[in-house]
Amino acid sequence: MKLNGISLNIQHELETQLLENDPHEFGDDHRMTGIDTPMREGAFILSNEEKKQEIEKHFRAIMNTLGLDLTDDSLKGTPARVAKMYVEEIFSGLDPKNKPKVALFDNKYNYNEMLIEKNITLYSNCEHHFVPIIGNAHIAYISSGKVIGLSKLNRIAQYFAKRPQVQERLTVQIGRHLQEILETESVAVIIEAEHLCVSSRGIKDVNASTVSAFYGGELEKKSKKQELFTYLR
């Protein structure tokens, strides 16, 4: 396939080389290089305590470089607080050990219609600027004979959100994981979120929001999408 006379493979190679040479060339463009979160080899060699110690050290250096007085009572504990927050809270979704454990149940009610969990609160972080992404997810699925506890849908969405993210990747990760554990292709995920990299810096557009969607199986059909949109209004 070609775009403006250049094959997409060649274009990707050129963009990759340019990004390696000067990451600023792409500015604020959102790029998703794959479905999996980019992780380096050996990402889990360090224990959580060791990671917190390293992050604390480096964040202390950042604050010092910015000129902040780390002997001030309000600031001296900040590097340790940030390290704990990164590892145990807002980036805890990077660790597979934190993936929610899920039990499926037989669909004894023979409920064969769409089931929807609306307005799941999501807090994530943009992987380009490490500032918050705040929004809501709506998840729908049609049972293939098994059902899942409702709260697990929230936990799964929040697990994938708790890592540096691109919204498109987040949406697909949630959708594909649910297809796998629910043993059905009929899954839909819709996310609407505000990106603080848009609203608090750069263009500073406080009214903008981003919508992304994933549809599979029966929920790819136009009639099912219309039904879902009706429920979400």
C-alpha atoms as a PDB file:
ATOM      1  CA  MET A   1       0.000   0.000   0.000  1.00  0.00           C
ATOM      2  CA  LYS A   2       1.238   3.498  -0.818  1.00  0.00           C
ATOM      3  CA  LEU A   3       0.646   6.876   0.763  1.00  0.00           C
ATOM      4  CA  ASN A   4       1.579   9.928  -1.352  1.00  0.00           C
ATOM      5  CA  GLY A   5       3.737   7.681  -3.528  1.00  0.00           C
ATOM      6  CA  ILE A   6       5.734   6.208  -0.624  1.00  0.00           C
ATOM      7  CA  SER A   7       5.136   2.637   0.572  1.00  0.00           C
ATOM      8  CA  LEU A   8       3.943   2.462   4.155  1.00  0.00           C
ATOM      9  CA  ASN A   9       6.871   0.182   5.090  1.00  0.00           C
ATOM     10  CA  ILE A  10       9.416   2.663   3.761  1.00  0.00           C
ATOM     11  CA  GLN A  11       7.567   5.547   5.380  1.00  0.00           C
ATOM     12  CA  HIS A  12       7.600   3.720   8.737  1.00  0.00           C
ATOM     13  CA  GLU A  13      11.357   3.091   8.419  1.00  0.00           C
ATOM     14  CA  LEU A  14      11.976   6.766   7.645  1.00  0.00           C
ATOM     15  CA  GLU A  15       9.830   7.875  10.585  1.00  0.00           C
ATOM     16  CA  THR A  16      11.613   5.416  12.903  1.00  0.00           C
ATOM     17  CA  GLN A  17      15.030   6.717  11.847  1.00  0.00           C
ATOM     18  CA  LEU A  18      13.874  10.311  12.264  1.00  0.00           C
ATOM     19  CA  LEU A  19      12.442   9.572  15.696  1.00  0.00           C
ATOM     20  CA  GLU A  20      15.697   7.936  16.779  1.00  0.00           C
ATOM     21  CA  ASN A  21      17.672  10.958  15.589  1.00  0.00           C
ATOM     22  CA  ASP A  22      15.378  13.645  16.953  1.00  0.00           C
ATOM     23  CA  PRO A  23      12.303  12.654  18.994  1.00  0.00           C
ATOM     24  CA  HIS A  24      11.111  16.269  18.943  1.00  0.00           C
ATOM     25  CA  GLU A  25      10.449  16.113  15.192  1.00  0.00           C
ATOM     26  CA  PHE A  26       7.070  14.490  15.822  1.00  0.00           C
ATOM     27  CA  GLY A  27       6.011  17.130  18.336  1.00  0.00           C
ATOM     28  CA  ASP A  28       2.692  16.235  19.954  1.00  0.00           C
ATOM     29  CA  ASP A  29       1.686  13.630  17.353  1.00  0.00           C
ATOM     30  CA  HIS A  30       0.154  10.547  18.950  1.00  0.00           C
ATOM     31  CA  ARG A  31       1.767   7.379  17.674  1.00  0.00           C
ATOM     32  CA  MET A  32       0.928   3.785  18.560  1.00  0.00           C
ATOM     33  CA  THR A  33       3.686   1.381  17.541  1.00  0.00           C
ATOM     34  CA  GLY A  34       1.809  -1.760  18.613  1.00  0.00           C
ATOM     35  CA  ILE A  35      -0.933  -3.246  20.752  1.00  0.00           C
ATOM     36  CA  ASP A  36       1.394  -4.318  23.551  1.00  0.00           C
ATOM     37  CA  THR A  37       2.759  -1.732  25.947  1.00  0.00           C
ATOM     38  CA  PRO A  38       6.427  -1.172  24.966  1.00  0.00           C
ATOM     39  CA  MET A  39       8.496  -2.862  27.678  1.00  0.00           C
ATOM     40  CA  ARG A  40      12.251  -3.344  27.710  1.00  0.00           C
ATOM     41  CA  GLU A  41      13.856  -6.723  28.300  1.00  0.00           C
ATOM     42  CA  GLY A  42      14.446  -7.301  31.998  1.00  0.00           C
ATOM     43  CA  ALA A  43      11.683  -4.937  33.054  1.00  0.00           C
ATOM     44  CA  PHE A  44      10.894  -6.995  36.159  1.00  0.00           C
ATOM     45  CA  ILE A  45      14.380  -7.817  37.429  1.00  0.00           C
ATOM     46  CA  LEU A  46      14.173  -5.121  40.104  1.00  0.00           C
ATOM     47  CA  SER A  47      11.781  -5.616  43.002  1.00  0.00           C
ATOM     48  CA  ASN A  48       9.156  -2.965  43.666  1.00  0.00           C
ATOM     49  CA  GLU A  49      11.198  -1.675  46.599  1.00  0.00           C
ATOM     50  CA  GLU A  50      14.288  -1.379  44.407  1.00  0.00           C
ATOM     51  CA  LYS A  51      12.274   0.437  41.754  1.00  0.00           C
ATOM     52  CA  LYS A  52      10.983   2.906  44.327  1.00  0.00           C
ATOM     53  CA  GLN A  53      14.518   3.583  45.544  1.00  0.00           C
ATOM     54  CA  GLU A  54      15.723   4.254  41.983  1.00  0.00           C
ATOM     55  CA  ILE A  55      12.762   6.473  41.109  1.00  0.00           C
ATOM     56  CA  GLU A  56      13.150   8.426  44.344  1.00  0.00           C
ATOM     57  CA  LYS A  57      16.806   9.072  43.548  1.00  0.00           C
ATOM     58  CA  HIS A  58      16.111  10.207  40.004  1.00  0.00           C
ATOM     59  CA  PHE A  59      13.100  12.315  40.894  1.00  0.00           C
ATOM     60  CA  ARG A  60      15.139  14.023  43.603  1.00  0.00           C
ATOM     61  CA  ALA A  61      17.671  14.906  40.904  1.00  0.00           C
ATOM     62  CA  ILE A  62      14.898  16.312  38.679  1.00  0.00           C
ATOM     63  CA  MET A  63      13.566  18.499  41.479  1.00  0.00           C
ATOM     64  CA  ASN A  64      17.064  19.659  42.315  1.00  0.00           C
ATOM     65  CA  THR A  65      17.725  20.512  38.664  1.00  0.00           C
ATOM     66  CA  LEU A  66      14.540  22.587  38.629  1.00  0.00           C
ATOM     67  CA  GLY A  67      15.961  24.578  41.515  1.00  0.00           C
ATOM     68  CA  LEU A  68      13.625  23.400  44.268  1.00  0.00           C
ATOM     69  CA  ASP A  69      14.786  23.399  47.871  1.00  0.00           C
ATOM     70  CA  LEU A  70      14.614  19.778  48.977  1.00  0.00           C
ATOM     71  CA  THR A  71      15.251  20.699  52.605  1.00  0.00           C
ATOM     72  CA  ASP A  72      11.869  22.438  52.758  1.00  0.00           C
ATOM     73  CA  ASP A  73       9.383  20.561  54.953  1.00  0.00           C
ATOM     74  CA  SER A  74       6.801  20.487  52.149  1.00  0.00           C
ATOM     75  CA  LEU A  75       9.205  19.121  49.518  1.00  0.00           C
ATOM     76  CA  LYS A  76      11.669  16.828  51.236  1.00  0.00           C
ATOM     77  CA  GLY A  77       9.296  13.854  51.204  1.00  0.00           C
ATOM     78  CA  THR A  78       8.110  14.397  47.630  1.00  0.00           C
ATOM     79  CA  PRO A  79      10.625  12.119  45.825  1.00  0.00           C
ATOM     80  CA  ALA A  80       9.645   9.170  48.014  1.00  0.00           C
ATOM     81  CA  ARG A  81       5.930   9.929  47.629  1.00  0.00           C
ATOM     82  CA  VAL A  82       6.232  10.128  43.843  1.00  0.00           C
ATOM     83  CA  ALA A  83       8.190   6.865  43.712  1.00  0.00           C
ATOM     84  CA  LYS A  84       5.582   5.044  45.786  1.00  0.00           C
ATOM     85  CA  MET A  85       2.755   6.522  43.692  1.00  0.00           C
ATOM     86  CA  TYR A  86       4.400   5.483  40.411  1.00  0.00           C
ATOM     87  CA  VAL A  87       5.064   1.876  41.436  1.00  0.00           C
ATOM     88  CA  GLU A  88       2.067   1.077  43.636  1.00  0.00           C
ATOM     89  CA  GLU A  89      -0.648   3.223  42.081  1.00  0.00           C
ATOM     90  CA  ILE A  90      -0.695   5.065  38.779  1.00  0.00           C
ATOM     91  CA  PHE A  91       1.701   2.713  36.918  1.00  0.00           C
ATOM     92  CA  SER A  92       0.816  -0.501  38.746  1.00  0.00           C
ATOM     93  CA  GLY A  93      -0.752  -1.828  35.540  1.00  0.00           C
ATOM     94  CA  LEU A  94       2.735  -2.394  34.112  1.00  0.00           C
ATOM     95  CA  ASP A  95       3.201  -5.350  36.445  1.00  0.00           C
ATOM     96  CA  PRO A  96       1.411  -8.522  35.237  1.00  0.00           C
ATOM     97  CA  LYS A  97       1.141  -9.643  38.856  1.00  0.00           C
ATOM     98  CA  ASN A  98      -1.481  -6.933  39.340  1.00  0.00           C
ATOM     99  CA  LYS A  99      -3.745  -8.226  36.552  1.00  0.00           C
ATOM    100  CA  PRO A 100      -7.206  -8.835  38.061  1.00  0.00           C
ATOM    101  CA  LYS A 101      -8.021 -12.455  38.742  1.00  0.00           C
ATOM    102  CA  VAL A 102     -11.232 -13.384  36.982  1.00  0.00           C
ATOM    103  CA  ALA A 103     -13.737 -16.169  37.549  1.00  0.00           C
ATOM    104  CA  LEU A 104     -16.403 -16.944  34.960  1.00  0.00           C
ATOM    105  CA  PHE A 105     -19.875 -18.199  35.795  1.00  0.00           C
ATOM    106  CA  ASP A 106     -22.406 -20.118  33.764  1.00  0.00           C
ATOM    107  CA  ASN A 107     -25.040 -17.933  32.174  1.00  0.00           C
ATOM    108  CA  LYS A 108     -27.845 -19.691  34.068  1.00  0.00           C
ATOM    109  CA  TYR A 109     -30.316 -16.913  33.282  1.00  0.00           C
ATOM    110  CA  ASN A 110     -29.883 -17.606  29.564  1.00  0.00           C
ATOM    111  CA  TYR A 111     -29.443 -13.871  29.091  1.00  0.00           C
ATOM    112  CA  ASN A 112     -28.472 -13.545  25.449  1.00  0.00           C
ATOM    113  CA  GLU A 113     -28.788  -9.786  24.969  1.00  0.00           C
ATOM    114  CA  MET A 114     -26.138  -7.104  25.239  1.00  0.00           C
ATOM    115  CA  LEU A 115     -24.834  -6.409  28.734  1.00  0.00           C
ATOM    116  CA  ILE A 116     -23.314  -2.970  29.310  1.00  0.00           C
ATOM    117  CA  GLU A 117     -21.251  -1.455  32.109  1.00  0.00           C
ATOM    118  CA  LYS A 118     -21.389   2.326  31.620  1.00  0.00           C
ATOM    119  CA  ASN A 119     -19.284   5.214  32.882  1.00  0.00           C
ATOM    120  CA  ILE A 120     -16.317   3.294  34.245  1.00  0.00           C
ATOM    121  CA  THR A 121     -13.957   5.927  35.624  1.00  0.00           C
ATOM    122  CA  LEU A 122     -10.494   5.822  34.087  1.00  0.00           C
ATOM    123  CA  TYR A 123      -7.314   7.589  35.149  1.00  0.00           C
ATOM    124  CA  SER A 124      -4.325   7.007  32.930  1.00  0.00           C
ATOM    125  CA  ASN A 125      -1.216   8.895  31.835  1.00  0.00           C
ATOM    126  CA  CYS A 126      -0.144   9.988  28.374  1.00  0.00           C
ATOM    127  CA  GLU A 127       3.079   8.194  27.490  1.00  0.00           C
ATOM    128  CA  HIS A 128       4.325  11.215  25.541  1.00  0.00           C
ATOM    129  CA  HIS A 129       4.289  13.766  28.368  1.00  0.00           C
ATOM    130  CA  PHE A 130       3.428  11.733  31.489  1.00  0.00           C
ATOM    131  CA  VAL A 131       0.411  13.892  32.283  1.00  0.00           C
ATOM    132  CA  PRO A 132      -3.059  12.542  33.122  1.00  0.00           C
ATOM    133  CA  ILE A 133      -5.716  11.146  30.817  1.00  0.00           C
ATOM    134  CA  ILE A 134      -9.078  11.344  32.591  1.00  0.00           C
ATOM    135  CA  GLY A 135     -12.256   9.834  31.242  1.00  0.00           C
ATOM    136  CA  ASN A 136     -14.892   7.139  31.153  1.00  0.00           C
ATOM    137  CA  ALA A 137     -15.133   3.741  29.516  1.00  0.00           C
ATOM    138  CA  HIS A 138     -18.258   1.896  28.420  1.00  0.00           C
ATOM    139  CA  ILE A 139     -17.979  -1.879  28.007  1.00  0.00           C
ATOM    140  CA  ALA A 140     -20.520  -4.167  26.370  1.00  0.00           C
ATOM    141  CA  TYR A 141     -20.518  -7.872  25.621  1.00  0.00           C
ATOM    142  CA  ILE A 142     -22.838 -10.660  24.556  1.00  0.00           C
ATOM    143  CA  SER A 143     -22.358 -13.872  26.502  1.00  0.00           C
ATOM    144  CA  SER A 144     -21.287 -17.036  24.719  1.00  0.00           C
ATOM    145  CA  GLY A 145     -22.394 -19.064  27.727  1.00  0.00           C
ATOM    146  CA  LYS A 146     -20.260 -17.478  30.435  1.00  0.00           C
ATOM    147  CA  VAL A 147     -20.603 -14.260  32.427  1.00  0.00           C
ATOM    148  CA  ILE A 148     -18.246 -12.234  34.588  1.00  0.00           C
ATOM    149  CA  GLY A 149     -18.782 -10.300  37.809  1.00  0.00           C
ATOM    150  CA  LEU A 150     -19.609  -6.693  36.937  1.00  0.00           C
ATOM    151  CA  SER A 151     -16.882  -5.179  39.101  1.00  0.00           C
ATOM    152  CA  LYS A 152     -14.287  -7.186  37.180  1.00  0.00           C
ATOM    153  CA  LEU A 153     -15.044  -5.142  34.073  1.00  0.00           C
ATOM    154  CA  ASN A 154     -14.098  -2.006  36.014  1.00  0.00           C
ATOM    155  CA  ARG A 155     -10.971  -3.640  37.421  1.00  0.00           C
ATOM    156  CA  ILE A 156      -9.787  -4.844  34.010  1.00  0.00           C
ATOM    157  CA  ALA A 157     -10.290  -1.421  32.434  1.00  0.00           C
ATOM    158  CA  GLN A 158      -8.466   0.278  35.297  1.00  0.00           C
ATOM    159  CA  TYR A 159      -5.619  -2.251  35.198  1.00  0.00           C
ATOM    160  CA  PHE A 160      -4.789  -1.419  31.587  1.00  0.00           C
ATOM    161  CA  ALA A 161      -5.231   2.300  32.286  1.00  0.00           C
ATOM    162  CA  LYS A 162      -2.630   2.243  35.073  1.00  0.00           C
ATOM    163  CA  ARG A 163       0.366   2.510  32.785  1.00  0.00           C
ATOM    164  CA  PRO A 164       1.740   5.113  30.380  1.00  0.00           C
ATOM    165  CA  GLN A 165      -0.763   4.900  27.542  1.00  0.00           C
ATOM    166  CA  VAL A 166      -2.034   5.940  24.157  1.00  0.00           C
ATOM    167  CA  GLN A 167      -5.829   5.955  24.207  1.00  0.00           C
ATOM    168  CA  GLU A 168      -6.154   3.864  21.066  1.00  0.00           C
ATOM    169  CA  ARG A 169      -3.903   1.174  22.540  1.00  0.00           C
ATOM    170  CA  LEU A 170      -5.759   1.265  25.858  1.00  0.00           C
ATOM    171  CA  THR A 171      -9.068   0.697  24.083  1.00  0.00           C
ATOM    172  CA  VAL A 172      -7.786  -2.272  22.091  1.00  0.00           C
ATOM    173  CA  GLN A 173      -6.004  -3.831  25.081  1.00  0.00           C
ATOM    174  CA  ILE A 174      -9.199  -3.819  27.130  1.00  0.00           C
ATOM    175  CA  GLY A 175     -11.272  -5.151  24.229  1.00  0.00           C
ATOM    176  CA  ARG A 176      -8.942  -7.995  23.272  1.00  0.00           C
ATOM    177  CA  HIS A 177      -8.373  -9.072  26.870  1.00  0.00           C
ATOM    178  CA  LEU A 178     -12.139  -9.258  27.451  1.00  0.00           C
ATOM    179  CA  GLN A 179     -12.611 -11.278  24.272  1.00  0.00           C
ATOM    180  CA  GLU A 180     -10.033 -13.738  25.539  1.00  0.00           C
ATOM    181  CA  ILE A 181     -11.338 -14.198  29.075  1.00  0.00           C
ATOM    182  CA  LEU A 182     -15.053 -14.077  28.162  1.00  0.00           C
ATOM    183  CA  GLU A 183     -14.507 -16.530  25.296  1.00  0.00           C
ATOM    184  CA  THR A 184     -16.559 -14.392  22.939  1.00  0.00           C
ATOM    185  CA  GLU A 185     -15.715 -12.074  20.063  1.00  0.00           C
ATOM    186  CA  SER A 186     -18.792  -9.971  20.836  1.00  0.00           C
ATOM    187  CA  VAL A 187     -17.166  -7.233  22.913  1.00  0.00           C
ATOM    188  CA  ALA A 188     -17.286  -3.451  22.552  1.00  0.00           C
ATOM    189  CA  VAL A 189     -15.261  -0.811  24.373  1.00  0.00           C
ATOM    190  CA  ILE A 190     -15.804   2.937  24.012  1.00  0.00           C
ATOM    191  CA  ILE A 191     -13.614   5.455  25.814  1.00  0.00           C
ATOM    192  CA  GLU A 192     -14.078   9.214  26.008  1.00  0.00           C
ATOM    193  CA  ALA A 193     -11.288  11.065  27.766  1.00  0.00           C
ATOM    194  CA  GLU A 194      -9.653  14.422  28.334  1.00  0.00           C
ATOM    195  CA  HIS A 195      -5.907  14.550  27.749  1.00  0.00           C
ATOM    196  CA  LEU A 196      -4.110  17.061  29.904  1.00  0.00           C
ATOM    197  CA  CYS A 197      -1.312  17.174  27.323  1.00  0.00           C
ATOM    198  CA  VAL A 198      -3.940  18.931  25.176  1.00  0.00           C
ATOM    199  CA  SER A 199      -5.819  20.926  27.811  1.00  0.00           C
ATOM    200  CA  SER A 200      -3.064  22.018  30.205  1.00  0.00           C
ATOM    201  CA  ARG A 201      -0.135  22.513  27.805  1.00  0.00           C
ATOM    202  CA  GLY A 202       0.518  22.811  24.093  1.00  0.00           C
ATOM    203  CA  ILE A 203      -2.693  23.944  22.395  1.00  0.00           C
ATOM    204  CA  LYS A 204      -4.387  24.370  25.821  1.00  0.00           C
ATOM    205  CA  ASP A 205      -7.848  23.441  24.544  1.00  0.00           C
ATOM    206  CA  VAL A 206      -9.877  22.734  27.681  1.00  0.00           C
ATOM    207  CA  ASN A 207     -12.989  21.730  25.708  1.00  0.00           C
ATOM    208  CA  ALA A 208     -11.451  18.944  23.648  1.00  0.00           C
ATOM    209  CA  SER A 209     -12.042  15.270  24.376  1.00  0.00           C
ATOM    210  CA  THR A 210     -10.988  12.130  22.540  1.00  0.00           C
ATOM    211  CA  VAL A 211     -13.273   9.204  21.700  1.00  0.00           C
ATOM    212  CA  SER A 212     -11.976   5.766  20.721  1.00  0.00           C
ATOM    213  CA  ALA A 213     -13.840   2.505  20.119  1.00  0.00           C
ATOM    214  CA  PHE A 214     -13.323  -1.232  19.764  1.00  0.00           C
ATOM    215  CA  TYR A 215     -15.966  -3.551  18.297  1.00  0.00           C
ATOM    216  CA  GLY A 216     -15.907  -7.300  17.812  1.00  0.00           C
ATOM    217  CA  GLY A 217     -18.209 -10.134  16.769  1.00  0.00           C
ATOM    218  CA  GLU A 218     -21.933  -9.341  16.805  1.00  0.00           C
ATOM    219  CA  LEU A 219     -21.185  -5.853  18.117  1.00  0.00           C
ATOM    220  CA  GLU A 220     -19.536  -4.944  14.820  1.00  0.00           C
ATOM    221  CA  LYS A 221     -22.967  -4.994  13.175  1.00  0.00           C
ATOM    222  CA  LYS A 222     -24.537  -1.621  12.468  1.00  0.00           C
ATOM    223  CA  SER A 223     -27.796  -2.592  14.199  1.00  0.00           C
ATOM    224  CA  LYS A 224     -25.943  -3.613  17.377  1.00  0.00           C
ATOM    225  CA  LYS A 225     -23.886  -0.428  17.363  1.00  0.00           C
ATOM    226  CA  GLN A 226     -27.077   1.617  17.098  1.00  0.00           C
ATOM    227  CA  GLU A 227     -28.564  -0.346  19.984  1.00  0.00           C
ATOM    228  CA  LEU A 228     -25.454   0.284  22.074  1.00  0.00           C
ATOM    229  CA  PHE A 229     -25.511   4.014  21.298  1.00  0.00           C
ATOM    230  CA  THR A 230     -29.156   4.143  22.374  1.00  0.00           C
ATOM    231  CA  TYR A 231     -28.270   2.678  25.766  1.00  0.00           C
ATOM    232  CA  LEU A 232     -25.344   5.066  26.192  1.00  0.00           C
ATOM    233  CA  ARG A 233     -27.369   8.223  25.557  1.00  0.00           C
END
